[in-house]
Amino acid sequence: MSINDILISIENEIQSLQQARALLSSLDGRRVSKPPIARRYRKRRTLSPEARKKIADAQKKRWAKQRETKKN
């Protein structure tokens, strides 16, 4: 499948999804719009340094176990 075929397929899919969206928005009498900014951009949670270290140590332990099984 060539790149042009893929692009045409994507364009067709976009058109059909836009038609479906228009149809659904007309059924309930309201236009479908983007949610308010507050709901689109949620505050990122931060990890404490202790939690990061705990996660990193656990990952290093998994990597070491995986390396050990590959050696055997």
N, C-alpha and C. Protein backbone atom coordinates (compact mmCIF):
# COMPACT_ATOMS: atom_id res chain seq x y z
N MET A 1 0.86 -1.17 0.00
CA MET A 1 0.00 0.00 0.00
C MET A 1 0.90 1.23 0.00
N SER A 2 0.66 2.13 -0.92
CA SER A 2 1.50 3.32 -1.03
C SER A 2 1.05 4.39 -0.04
N ILE A 3 1.89 5.38 0.11
CA ILE A 3 1.58 6.48 1.04
C ILE A 3 0.33 7.22 0.58
N ASN A 4 0.20 7.41 -0.73
CA ASN A 4 -0.99 8.10 -1.25
C ASN A 4 -2.26 7.33 -0.94
N ASP A 5 -2.21 6.02 -1.05
CA ASP A 5 -3.38 5.20 -0.71
C ASP A 5 -3.74 5.35 0.77
N ILE A 6 -2.73 5.39 1.61
CA ILE A 6 -2.96 5.55 3.05
C ILE A 6 -3.58 6.91 3.34
N LEU A 7 -3.04 7.96 2.70
CA LEU A 7 -3.58 9.31 2.91
C LEU A 7 -5.03 9.41 2.43
N ILE A 8 -5.34 8.81 1.31
CA ILE A 8 -6.71 8.83 0.81
C ILE A 8 -7.63 8.09 1.77
N SER A 9 -7.17 6.97 2.29
CA SER A 9 -7.96 6.21 3.25
C SER A 9 -8.22 7.03 4.52
N ILE A 10 -7.20 7.72 4.99
CA ILE A 10 -7.36 8.57 6.18
C ILE A 10 -8.34 9.69 5.91
N GLU A 11 -8.24 10.35 4.74
CA GLU A 11 -9.16 11.43 4.41
C GLU A 11 -10.60 10.93 4.35
N ASN A 12 -10.80 9.75 3.77
CA ASN A 12 -12.15 9.18 3.71
C ASN A 12 -12.69 8.91 5.11
N GLU A 13 -11.83 8.39 5.97
CA GLU A 13 -12.25 8.10 7.34
C GLU A 13 -12.61 9.40 8.08
N ILE A 14 -11.81 10.44 7.88
CA ILE A 14 -12.09 11.74 8.51
C ILE A 14 -13.43 12.27 8.05
N GLN A 15 -13.70 12.19 6.75
CA GLN A 15 -14.97 12.67 6.23
C GLN A 15 -16.15 11.91 6.81
N SER A 16 -16.02 10.61 6.90
CA SER A 16 -17.14 9.83 7.45
C SER A 16 -17.34 10.12 8.93
N LEU A 17 -16.25 10.34 9.66
CA LEU A 17 -16.39 10.69 11.08
C LEU A 17 -17.02 12.07 11.25
N GLN A 18 -16.65 13.02 10.39
CA GLN A 18 -17.26 14.35 10.47
C GLN A 18 -18.75 14.28 10.15
N GLN A 19 -19.13 13.46 9.19
CA GLN A 19 -20.54 13.30 8.87
C GLN A 19 -21.30 12.68 10.04
N ALA A 20 -20.70 11.69 10.66
CA ALA A 20 -21.34 11.05 11.82
C ALA A 20 -21.48 12.04 12.96
N ARG A 21 -20.46 12.86 13.17
CA ARG A 21 -20.51 13.87 14.24
C ARG A 21 -21.63 14.87 13.96
N ALA A 22 -21.73 15.33 12.72
CA ALA A 22 -22.77 16.29 12.35
C ALA A 22 -24.15 15.69 12.55
N LEU A 23 -24.29 14.43 12.18
CA LEU A 23 -25.58 13.75 12.34
C LEU A 23 -25.95 13.63 13.81
N LEU A 24 -25.00 13.21 14.63
CA LEU A 24 -25.29 13.05 16.05
C LEU A 24 -25.58 14.38 16.72
N SER A 25 -24.87 15.43 16.34
CA SER A 25 -25.12 16.72 16.97
C SER A 25 -26.47 17.29 16.57
N SER A 26 -26.95 16.94 15.37
CA SER A 26 -28.26 17.44 14.95
C SER A 26 -29.40 16.68 15.61
N LEU A 27 -29.15 15.48 16.08
CA LEU A 27 -30.21 14.67 16.67
C LEU A 27 -30.70 15.23 18.00
N ASP A 28 -29.78 15.74 18.82
CA ASP A 28 -30.22 16.21 20.13
C ASP A 28 -30.40 17.73 20.16
N GLY A 29 -30.25 18.39 19.03
CA GLY A 29 -30.52 19.82 18.96
C GLY A 29 -29.38 20.69 19.45
N ARG A 30 -28.32 20.10 19.91
CA ARG A 30 -27.18 20.89 20.39
C ARG A 30 -25.98 20.60 19.51
N ARG A 31 -25.10 21.57 19.45
CA ARG A 31 -23.85 21.34 18.72
C ARG A 31 -22.84 20.73 19.68
N VAL A 32 -22.08 19.78 19.17
CA VAL A 32 -21.04 19.16 19.97
C VAL A 32 -19.84 20.09 19.94
N SER A 33 -19.40 20.49 21.12
CA SER A 33 -18.26 21.41 21.17
C SER A 33 -17.20 20.86 22.10
N LYS A 34 -16.07 21.53 22.11
CA LYS A 34 -14.98 21.11 22.98
C LYS A 34 -15.34 21.40 24.43
N PRO A 35 -14.85 20.60 25.35
CA PRO A 35 -15.13 20.87 26.76
C PRO A 35 -14.41 22.14 27.21
N PRO A 36 -14.83 22.74 28.31
CA PRO A 36 -14.16 23.94 28.81
C PRO A 36 -12.68 23.67 29.05
N ILE A 37 -11.90 24.73 29.04
CA ILE A 37 -10.45 24.60 29.19
C ILE A 37 -10.09 23.89 30.49
N ALA A 38 -10.82 24.15 31.53
CA ALA A 38 -10.49 23.54 32.83
C ALA A 38 -10.56 22.02 32.76
N ARG A 39 -11.46 21.49 31.96
CA ARG A 39 -11.59 20.03 31.86
C ARG A 39 -10.62 19.45 30.84
N ARG A 40 -10.19 20.27 29.87
CA ARG A 40 -9.26 19.76 28.87
C ARG A 40 -7.85 19.62 29.42
N TYR A 41 -7.44 20.55 30.26
CA TYR A 41 -6.07 20.55 30.78
C TYR A 41 -6.11 20.28 32.27
N ARG A 42 -5.90 19.05 32.62
CA ARG A 42 -5.91 18.69 34.03
C ARG A 42 -4.55 18.95 34.65
N LYS A 43 -4.57 19.27 35.90
CA LYS A 43 -3.33 19.53 36.62
C LYS A 43 -2.54 18.22 36.73
N ARG A 44 -1.26 18.30 36.41
CA ARG A 44 -0.42 17.11 36.48
C ARG A 44 -0.07 16.82 37.93
N ARG A 45 -0.07 15.56 38.26
CA ARG A 45 0.30 15.15 39.60
C ARG A 45 1.81 15.01 39.68
N THR A 46 2.37 15.38 40.80
CA THR A 46 3.81 15.26 40.95
C THR A 46 4.12 14.19 41.99
N LEU A 47 5.21 13.50 41.75
CA LEU A 47 5.65 12.46 42.68
C LEU A 47 6.71 13.03 43.60
N SER A 48 6.71 12.55 44.80
CA SER A 48 7.74 12.96 45.73
C SER A 48 9.06 12.29 45.33
N PRO A 49 10.18 12.85 45.74
CA PRO A 49 11.47 12.23 45.41
C PRO A 49 11.57 10.79 45.93
N GLU A 50 10.96 10.53 47.09
CA GLU A 50 11.00 9.18 47.64
C GLU A 50 10.23 8.21 46.74
N ALA A 51 9.08 8.64 46.24
CA ALA A 51 8.29 7.79 45.37
C ALA A 51 9.02 7.52 44.06
N ARG A 52 9.67 8.56 43.51
CA ARG A 52 10.43 8.37 42.28
C ARG A 52 11.56 7.36 42.48
N LYS A 53 12.25 7.48 43.61
CA LYS A 53 13.35 6.56 43.89
C LYS A 53 12.82 5.14 44.03
N LYS A 54 11.69 4.98 44.70
CA LYS A 54 11.11 3.66 44.89
C LYS A 54 10.75 3.03 43.54
N ILE A 55 10.16 3.82 42.65
CA ILE A 55 9.80 3.32 41.33
C ILE A 55 11.05 2.98 40.53
N ALA A 56 12.06 3.84 40.58
CA ALA A 56 13.30 3.60 39.84
C ALA A 56 14.00 2.35 40.35
N ASP A 57 14.04 2.16 41.66
CA ASP A 57 14.67 0.96 42.21
C ASP A 57 13.94 -0.31 41.79
N ALA A 58 12.61 -0.24 41.78
CA ALA A 58 11.83 -1.41 41.37
C ALA A 58 12.08 -1.74 39.90
N GLN A 59 12.17 -0.69 39.06
CA GLN A 59 12.43 -0.92 37.64
C GLN A 59 13.82 -1.51 37.43
N LYS A 60 14.81 -1.00 38.15
CA LYS A 60 16.17 -1.54 38.04
C LYS A 60 16.21 -3.00 38.46
N LYS A 61 15.41 -3.34 39.46
CA LYS A 61 15.34 -4.73 39.91
C LYS A 61 14.74 -5.61 38.82
N ARG A 62 13.69 -5.12 38.15
CA ARG A 62 13.08 -5.88 37.05
C ARG A 62 14.06 -6.05 35.90
N TRP A 63 14.81 -4.99 35.58
CA TRP A 63 15.79 -5.09 34.50
C TRP A 63 16.88 -6.10 34.85
N ALA A 64 17.35 -6.07 36.09
CA ALA A 64 18.39 -7.01 36.51
C ALA A 64 17.88 -8.44 36.40
N LYS A 65 16.65 -8.67 36.81
CA LYS A 65 16.07 -10.01 36.72
C LYS A 65 15.96 -10.46 35.26
N GLN A 66 15.57 -9.54 34.39
CA GLN A 66 15.44 -9.86 32.97
C GLN A 66 16.82 -10.16 32.36
N ARG A 67 17.85 -9.39 32.72
CA ARG A 67 19.19 -9.66 32.21
C ARG A 67 19.69 -11.02 32.69
N GLU A 68 19.37 -11.34 33.93
CA GLU A 68 19.81 -12.61 34.50
C GLU A 68 19.17 -13.80 33.76
N THR A 69 17.90 -13.67 33.42
CA THR A 69 17.24 -14.77 32.73
C THR A 69 17.76 -14.91 31.30
N LYS A 70 18.19 -13.83 30.68
CA LYS A 70 18.75 -13.91 29.33
C LYS A 70 20.11 -14.57 29.33
N LYS A 71 20.88 -14.41 30.40
CA LYS A 71 22.19 -15.04 30.49
C LYS A 71 22.08 -16.55 30.60
N ASN A 72 21.06 -17.03 31.29
CA ASN A 72 20.90 -18.47 31.52
C ASN A 72 20.26 -19.15 30.38
